[in-house]
Amino acid sequence: MNRENSSISTYNHSVSLLERKTLVITGVKKIENFDNLHFLLETTMGYMMIKGDSLELIKLDTLAGNVTIKGNINNINYLLDNNNSKKEENIFSKLFK
């Protein structure tokens, strides 16, 4: 395991939502996919799906694993591990359409 991945995996994971408009997430390993309607993030606690309207990435700190998203936040879900293969299939099917 390289040094960067091991340091991110030790970060605490937290989610802070301010007035359903600003979402601050710590412990983010990577952003898998995003657009103005949804974000798919890999966090230290598993995959997270954020859904809403007019979503935009405001801040990305890859070294610290912090992400800030603004927009109208409607839904925040953690994806189950047994759905990993389906999620990966969906990502690849969207990429290669």
N, C-alpha and C. Protein backbone atom coordinates (compact mmCIF):
# COMPACT_ATOMS: atom_id res chain seq x y z
N MET A 1 0.86 -1.18 0.00
CA MET A 1 0.00 0.00 0.00
C MET A 1 0.90 1.23 0.00
N ASN A 2 0.58 2.19 -0.85
CA ASN A 2 1.43 3.37 -0.89
C ASN A 2 1.09 4.31 0.26
N ARG A 3 1.96 5.26 0.47
CA ARG A 3 1.84 6.16 1.63
C ARG A 3 0.58 7.02 1.59
N GLU A 4 0.20 7.50 0.41
CA GLU A 4 -0.97 8.37 0.28
C GLU A 4 -2.25 7.64 0.68
N ASN A 5 -2.46 6.41 0.20
CA ASN A 5 -3.66 5.66 0.54
C ASN A 5 -3.72 5.31 2.00
N SER A 6 -2.58 4.99 2.63
CA SER A 6 -2.59 4.64 4.03
C SER A 6 -2.90 5.84 4.91
N SER A 7 -2.48 7.04 4.50
CA SER A 7 -2.78 8.22 5.32
C SER A 7 -4.25 8.60 5.23
N ILE A 8 -4.87 8.47 4.06
CA ILE A 8 -6.29 8.80 3.92
C ILE A 8 -7.14 7.80 4.68
N SER A 9 -6.77 6.52 4.70
CA SER A 9 -7.59 5.52 5.36
C SER A 9 -7.63 5.71 6.87
N THR A 10 -6.70 6.47 7.44
CA THR A 10 -6.70 6.71 8.88
C THR A 10 -7.50 7.96 9.25
N TYR A 11 -7.97 8.73 8.28
CA TYR A 11 -8.74 9.93 8.57
C TYR A 11 -10.12 9.56 9.11
N ASN A 12 -10.61 10.40 10.00
CA ASN A 12 -11.98 10.24 10.47
C ASN A 12 -12.93 10.65 9.35
N HIS A 13 -14.08 10.02 9.36
CA HIS A 13 -15.10 10.33 8.37
C HIS A 13 -16.21 11.11 9.04
N SER A 14 -16.56 12.25 8.46
CA SER A 14 -17.68 13.02 8.99
C SER A 14 -18.43 13.67 7.84
N VAL A 15 -19.71 13.95 8.11
CA VAL A 15 -20.57 14.60 7.13
C VAL A 15 -21.27 15.75 7.84
N SER A 16 -21.15 16.94 7.27
CA SER A 16 -21.77 18.13 7.85
C SER A 16 -22.62 18.79 6.78
N LEU A 17 -23.91 18.93 7.05
CA LEU A 17 -24.84 19.53 6.10
C LEU A 17 -25.38 20.82 6.71
N LEU A 18 -25.17 21.93 6.02
CA LEU A 18 -25.60 23.24 6.48
C LEU A 18 -26.77 23.73 5.62
N GLU A 19 -27.95 23.82 6.23
CA GLU A 19 -29.15 24.35 5.58
C GLU A 19 -29.49 23.67 4.25
N ARG A 20 -29.15 22.40 4.13
CA ARG A 20 -29.39 21.61 2.91
C ARG A 20 -28.77 22.23 1.67
N LYS A 21 -27.81 23.12 1.84
CA LYS A 21 -27.18 23.81 0.71
C LYS A 21 -25.68 23.53 0.60
N THR A 22 -25.00 23.31 1.73
CA THR A 22 -23.56 23.11 1.73
C THR A 22 -23.24 21.83 2.47
N LEU A 23 -22.54 20.92 1.81
CA LEU A 23 -22.19 19.62 2.37
C LEU A 23 -20.67 19.52 2.45
N VAL A 24 -20.16 19.28 3.66
CA VAL A 24 -18.72 19.12 3.87
C VAL A 24 -18.50 17.69 4.34
N ILE A 25 -17.64 16.97 3.62
CA ILE A 25 -17.38 15.56 3.91
C ILE A 25 -15.88 15.38 4.11
N THR A 26 -15.50 14.69 5.19
CA THR A 26 -14.10 14.35 5.43
C THR A 26 -13.94 12.84 5.29
N GLY A 27 -12.71 12.40 5.09
CA GLY A 27 -12.45 10.98 4.93
C GLY A 27 -12.78 10.47 3.55
N VAL A 28 -12.69 11.33 2.54
CA VAL A 28 -12.99 10.94 1.16
C VAL A 28 -11.72 10.41 0.50
N LYS A 29 -11.80 9.19 -0.01
CA LYS A 29 -10.66 8.59 -0.71
C LYS A 29 -10.61 9.06 -2.15
N LYS A 30 -11.77 9.05 -2.84
CA LYS A 30 -11.81 9.52 -4.22
C LYS A 30 -13.24 9.80 -4.64
N ILE A 31 -13.36 10.62 -5.66
CA ILE A 31 -14.65 10.89 -6.27
C ILE A 31 -14.74 10.00 -7.50
N GLU A 32 -15.70 9.09 -7.48
CA GLU A 32 -15.86 8.15 -8.59
C GLU A 32 -16.51 8.79 -9.80
N ASN A 33 -17.57 9.58 -9.54
CA ASN A 33 -18.35 10.14 -10.63
C ASN A 33 -19.18 11.29 -10.07
N PHE A 34 -19.41 12.33 -10.88
CA PHE A 34 -20.29 13.40 -10.43
C PHE A 34 -20.80 14.21 -11.60
N ASP A 35 -21.96 14.82 -11.37
CA ASP A 35 -22.53 15.80 -12.27
C ASP A 35 -23.41 16.72 -11.43
N ASN A 36 -24.26 17.51 -12.06
CA ASN A 36 -25.05 18.47 -11.29
C ASN A 36 -26.23 17.83 -10.56
N LEU A 37 -26.46 16.53 -10.74
CA LEU A 37 -27.56 15.83 -10.05
C LEU A 37 -27.10 14.82 -9.01
N HIS A 38 -25.87 14.32 -9.11
CA HIS A 38 -25.41 13.33 -8.14
C HIS A 38 -23.88 13.30 -8.03
N PHE A 39 -23.40 12.84 -6.90
CA PHE A 39 -21.99 12.59 -6.64
C PHE A 39 -21.86 11.18 -6.10
N LEU A 40 -20.87 10.44 -6.56
CA LEU A 40 -20.55 9.13 -6.02
C LEU A 40 -19.13 9.21 -5.47
N LEU A 41 -19.00 9.05 -4.14
CA LEU A 41 -17.71 9.20 -3.47
C LEU A 41 -17.32 7.89 -2.80
N GLU A 42 -16.02 7.60 -2.79
CA GLU A 42 -15.52 6.52 -1.97
C GLU A 42 -14.94 7.15 -0.71
N THR A 43 -15.48 6.77 0.44
CA THR A 43 -15.02 7.31 1.71
C THR A 43 -14.37 6.19 2.53
N THR A 44 -13.80 6.55 3.65
CA THR A 44 -13.19 5.55 4.52
C THR A 44 -14.24 4.63 5.15
N MET A 45 -15.51 5.01 5.07
CA MET A 45 -16.60 4.20 5.62
C MET A 45 -17.44 3.54 4.54
N GLY A 46 -16.98 3.56 3.30
CA GLY A 46 -17.71 2.94 2.20
C GLY A 46 -18.12 3.97 1.15
N TYR A 47 -18.84 3.49 0.15
CA TYR A 47 -19.29 4.37 -0.93
C TYR A 47 -20.50 5.18 -0.49
N MET A 48 -20.53 6.44 -0.92
CA MET A 48 -21.59 7.36 -0.56
C MET A 48 -22.15 7.99 -1.83
N MET A 49 -23.48 8.05 -1.91
CA MET A 49 -24.16 8.68 -3.04
C MET A 49 -24.89 9.92 -2.52
N ILE A 50 -24.64 11.05 -3.16
CA ILE A 50 -25.32 12.30 -2.83
C ILE A 50 -26.15 12.68 -4.05
N LYS A 51 -27.44 12.97 -3.82
CA LYS A 51 -28.33 13.37 -4.91
C LYS A 51 -28.93 14.73 -4.60
N GLY A 52 -29.20 15.50 -5.65
CA GLY A 52 -29.79 16.81 -5.48
C GLY A 52 -29.93 17.53 -6.80
N ASP A 53 -30.03 18.84 -6.72
CA ASP A 53 -30.15 19.69 -7.90
C ASP A 53 -29.08 20.76 -7.85
N SER A 54 -28.57 21.13 -9.01
CA SER A 54 -27.56 22.19 -9.13
C SER A 54 -26.35 21.94 -8.23
N LEU A 55 -25.91 20.69 -8.16
CA LEU A 55 -24.76 20.34 -7.32
C LEU A 55 -23.47 20.76 -8.02
N GLU A 56 -22.54 21.28 -7.24
CA GLU A 56 -21.22 21.62 -7.79
C GLU A 56 -20.15 21.40 -6.73
N LEU A 57 -19.00 21.00 -7.21
CA LEU A 57 -17.84 20.77 -6.35
C LEU A 57 -17.19 22.11 -6.06
N ILE A 58 -17.18 22.50 -4.79
CA ILE A 58 -16.63 23.78 -4.38
C ILE A 58 -15.19 23.64 -3.94
N LYS A 59 -14.90 22.59 -3.16
CA LYS A 59 -13.55 22.41 -2.63
C LYS A 59 -13.19 20.93 -2.67
N LEU A 60 -11.97 20.66 -3.11
CA LEU A 60 -11.45 19.30 -3.13
C LEU A 60 -10.03 19.34 -2.59
N ASP A 61 -9.81 18.72 -1.45
CA ASP A 61 -8.47 18.61 -0.85
C ASP A 61 -8.10 17.14 -0.85
N THR A 62 -7.35 16.72 -1.86
CA THR A 62 -7.03 15.29 -2.01
C THR A 62 -6.06 14.81 -0.94
N LEU A 63 -5.20 15.66 -0.44
CA LEU A 63 -4.25 15.23 0.59
C LEU A 63 -4.94 14.98 1.92
N ALA A 64 -5.88 15.83 2.29
CA ALA A 64 -6.58 15.68 3.56
C ALA A 64 -7.85 14.83 3.42
N GLY A 65 -8.33 14.63 2.19
CA GLY A 65 -9.53 13.85 1.98
C GLY A 65 -10.81 14.61 2.27
N ASN A 66 -10.82 15.91 2.02
CA ASN A 66 -11.99 16.75 2.29
C ASN A 66 -12.65 17.19 0.99
N VAL A 67 -13.99 17.21 0.99
CA VAL A 67 -14.77 17.63 -0.17
C VAL A 67 -15.88 18.54 0.32
N THR A 68 -16.12 19.63 -0.42
CA THR A 68 -17.25 20.51 -0.15
C THR A 68 -18.11 20.59 -1.40
N ILE A 69 -19.41 20.35 -1.24
CA ILE A 69 -20.37 20.35 -2.34
C ILE A 69 -21.46 21.36 -2.01
N LYS A 70 -21.83 22.18 -2.99
CA LYS A 70 -22.94 23.13 -2.82
C LYS A 70 -24.04 22.79 -3.80
N GLY A 71 -25.26 23.11 -3.40
CA GLY A 71 -26.44 22.88 -4.23
C GLY A 71 -27.62 22.54 -3.36
N ASN A 72 -28.67 22.05 -3.95
CA ASN A 72 -29.86 21.62 -3.21
C ASN A 72 -29.72 20.13 -2.91
N ILE A 73 -29.34 19.79 -1.69
CA ILE A 73 -29.10 18.41 -1.30
C ILE A 73 -30.43 17.75 -0.96
N ASN A 74 -30.76 16.66 -1.67
CA ASN A 74 -32.02 15.95 -1.44
C ASN A 74 -31.84 14.60 -0.76
N ASN A 75 -30.67 13.97 -0.95
CA ASN A 75 -30.51 12.60 -0.49
C ASN A 75 -29.03 12.30 -0.27
N ILE A 76 -28.72 11.63 0.85
CA ILE A 76 -27.37 11.14 1.13
C ILE A 76 -27.51 9.68 1.53
N ASN A 77 -26.87 8.78 0.79
CA ASN A 77 -26.95 7.33 1.07
C ASN A 77 -25.56 6.71 1.07
N TYR A 78 -25.40 5.72 1.94
CA TYR A 78 -24.23 4.85 1.88
C TYR A 78 -24.65 3.59 1.13
N LEU A 79 -23.81 3.16 0.20
CA LEU A 79 -24.10 1.97 -0.59
C LEU A 79 -23.57 0.74 0.14
N LEU A 80 -24.34 -0.34 0.10
CA LEU A 80 -23.92 -1.59 0.74
C LEU A 80 -22.77 -2.21 -0.04
N ASP A 81 -21.89 -2.91 0.69
CA ASP A 81 -20.73 -3.53 0.05
C ASP A 81 -21.11 -4.59 -0.96
N ASN A 82 -22.22 -5.32 -0.73
CA ASN A 82 -22.59 -6.36 -1.68
C ASN A 82 -23.10 -5.78 -3.00
N ASN A 83 -23.30 -4.47 -3.07
CA ASN A 83 -23.69 -3.83 -4.32
C ASN A 83 -22.50 -3.26 -5.08
N ASN A 84 -21.29 -3.49 -4.58
CA ASN A 84 -20.09 -2.95 -5.23
C ASN A 84 -20.00 -3.36 -6.69
N SER A 85 -20.27 -4.63 -6.99
CA SER A 85 -20.14 -5.07 -8.38
C SER A 85 -21.17 -4.39 -9.26
N LYS A 86 -22.41 -4.20 -8.75
CA LYS A 86 -23.43 -3.51 -9.53
C LYS A 86 -23.04 -2.06 -9.77
N LYS A 87 -22.51 -1.40 -8.73
CA LYS A 87 -22.09 0.00 -8.84
C LYS A 87 -20.99 0.13 -9.88
N GLU A 88 -20.02 -0.79 -9.83
CA GLU A 88 -18.93 -0.73 -10.79
C GLU A 88 -19.45 -0.96 -12.22
N GLU A 89 -20.40 -1.89 -12.37
CA GLU A 89 -20.98 -2.12 -13.69
C GLU A 89 -21.70 -0.88 -14.18
N ASN A 90 -22.45 -0.21 -13.30
CA ASN A 90 -23.18 0.99 -13.69
C ASN A 90 -22.23 2.10 -14.12
N ILE A 91 -21.14 2.28 -13.40
CA ILE A 91 -20.16 3.30 -13.74
C ILE A 91 -19.57 3.04 -15.12
N PHE A 92 -19.16 1.78 -15.33
CA PHE A 92 -18.55 1.46 -16.62
C PHE A 92 -19.57 1.52 -17.76
N SER A 93 -20.80 1.13 -17.49
CA SER A 93 -21.80 1.21 -18.56
C SER A 93 -22.08 2.66 -18.94
N LYS A 94 -22.04 3.58 -17.95
CA LYS A 94 -22.23 5.00 -18.25
C LYS A 94 -21.06 5.55 -19.05
N LEU A 95 -19.86 5.11 -18.71
CA LEU A 95 -18.66 5.60 -19.40
C LEU A 95 -18.61 5.17 -20.85
N PHE A 96 -19.04 3.93 -21.13
CA PHE A 96 -18.87 3.37 -22.46
C PHE A 96 -20.14 3.34 -23.28
N LYS A 97 -21.13 4.19 -22.96
CA LYS A 97 -22.37 4.26 -23.75
C LYS A 97 -22.12 4.95 -25.05
